[in-house]
C-alpha cells in the first residue's frame, strides 16, 4: 500500500491502454480526523487468486487536489 504525496509528469515513448479491472474505493478518517481516499485494484480475471488486491493506493486531501488538477488537464470536458 502506498500514500501518494507527489506526482511527477513523465513522457514515455510507447504507451498502450491496459485491459479493464475492478477498482474498489473507500473513504476513511484516521484518529486525528484526517480523511483519506483508498483505491484498490483486483487484477485480471485470469489471476491465480481472484479477488485478491493487486494494488492499493491512498490519497490525502493534498494528494487528491494534485490528482484532480492532473485529471482536469487530461480530460478538460469533465466538470
Protein backbone atom coordinates (compact mmCIF):
# COMPACT_ATOMS: atom_id res chain seq x y z
CA UNK A 1 0.00 0.00 0.00
CA UNK A 2 1.22 3.50 -0.71
CA UNK A 3 0.20 7.01 0.31
CA UNK A 4 0.74 9.19 -2.77
CA UNK A 5 2.09 12.61 -1.86
CA UNK A 6 3.71 13.70 -5.14
CA UNK A 7 3.03 13.29 -8.85
CA UNK A 8 5.78 13.64 -11.45
CA UNK A 9 4.92 14.00 -15.13
CA UNK A 10 6.90 11.74 -17.45
CA UNK A 11 6.86 11.28 -21.20
CA UNK A 12 7.11 7.71 -22.41
CA UNK A 13 7.88 6.70 -25.97
CA UNK A 14 5.48 3.77 -26.04
CA UNK A 15 2.22 3.57 -24.16
CA UNK A 16 -0.85 1.42 -24.61
CA UNK A 17 -4.19 1.02 -22.90
CA UNK A 18 -4.43 -1.82 -20.38
CA UNK A 19 -7.29 -4.26 -20.00
CA UNK A 20 -10.13 -3.43 -17.62
CA UNK A 21 -10.04 -4.47 -13.95
CA UNK A 22 -12.28 -3.85 -10.97
CA UNK A 23 -11.40 -1.00 -8.60
CA UNK A 24 -12.91 -0.57 -5.14
CA UNK A 25 -12.73 2.60 -3.14
CA UNK A 26 -13.17 3.54 0.48
CA UNK A 27 -13.08 6.80 2.38
CA UNK A 28 -11.89 6.82 5.95
CA UNK A 29 -10.66 9.13 8.68
CA UNK A 30 -7.67 8.48 10.91
CA UNK A 31 -7.51 9.12 14.65
CA UNK A 32 -6.57 12.77 14.15
CA UNK A 33 -9.54 13.45 11.85
CA UNK A 34 -7.56 13.45 8.58
CA UNK A 35 -9.52 11.97 5.64
CA UNK A 36 -8.16 9.54 3.06
CA UNK A 37 -9.37 8.02 -0.20
CA UNK A 38 -8.17 4.46 -0.77
CA UNK A 39 -8.32 2.76 -4.18
CA UNK A 40 -7.74 -0.98 -4.56
CA UNK A 41 -7.46 -2.86 -7.85
CA UNK A 42 -8.03 -6.59 -8.08
CA UNK A 43 -6.20 -7.63 -11.23
CA UNK A 44 -7.50 -9.54 -14.20
CA UNK A 45 -9.94 -12.45 -14.10
CA UNK A 46 -7.09 -14.74 -15.18
CA UNK A 47 -5.19 -14.02 -11.95
CA UNK A 48 -4.18 -17.03 -9.81
CA UNK A 49 -6.09 -15.77 -6.77
CA UNK A 50 -9.26 -13.99 -7.97
CA UNK A 51 -10.48 -11.20 -5.71
CA UNK A 52 -7.06 -10.59 -4.13
CA UNK A 53 -5.98 -6.96 -4.01
CA UNK A 54 -3.37 -6.25 -6.64
CA UNK A 55 -2.54 -2.66 -5.72
CA UNK A 56 -3.76 -0.25 -3.08
CA UNK A 57 -3.10 3.47 -3.07
CA UNK A 58 -4.17 6.18 -0.68
CA UNK A 59 -4.63 9.90 -1.21
CA UNK A 60 -4.96 12.54 1.46
CA UNK A 61 -6.54 15.91 0.66
CA UNK A 62 -3.30 17.35 -0.70
CA UNK A 63 -2.65 14.38 -2.98
CA UNK A 64 -6.28 14.34 -4.12
CA UNK A 65 -6.08 18.04 -5.05
CA UNK A 66 -2.98 17.37 -7.15
CA UNK A 67 -4.63 14.39 -8.85
CA UNK A 68 -7.74 16.49 -9.54
CA UNK A 69 -5.57 19.03 -11.40
CA UNK A 70 -3.99 16.24 -13.47
CA UNK A 71 -7.40 14.77 -14.30
CA UNK A 72 -8.68 18.19 -15.38
CA UNK A 73 -5.66 18.55 -17.71
CA UNK A 74 -6.21 15.08 -19.20
CA UNK A 75 -9.99 15.41 -19.53
CA UNK A 76 -10.84 19.12 -19.85
CA UNK A 77 -14.51 18.46 -20.66
CA UNK A 78 -15.10 16.92 -17.22
CA UNK A 79 -16.51 19.20 -14.59
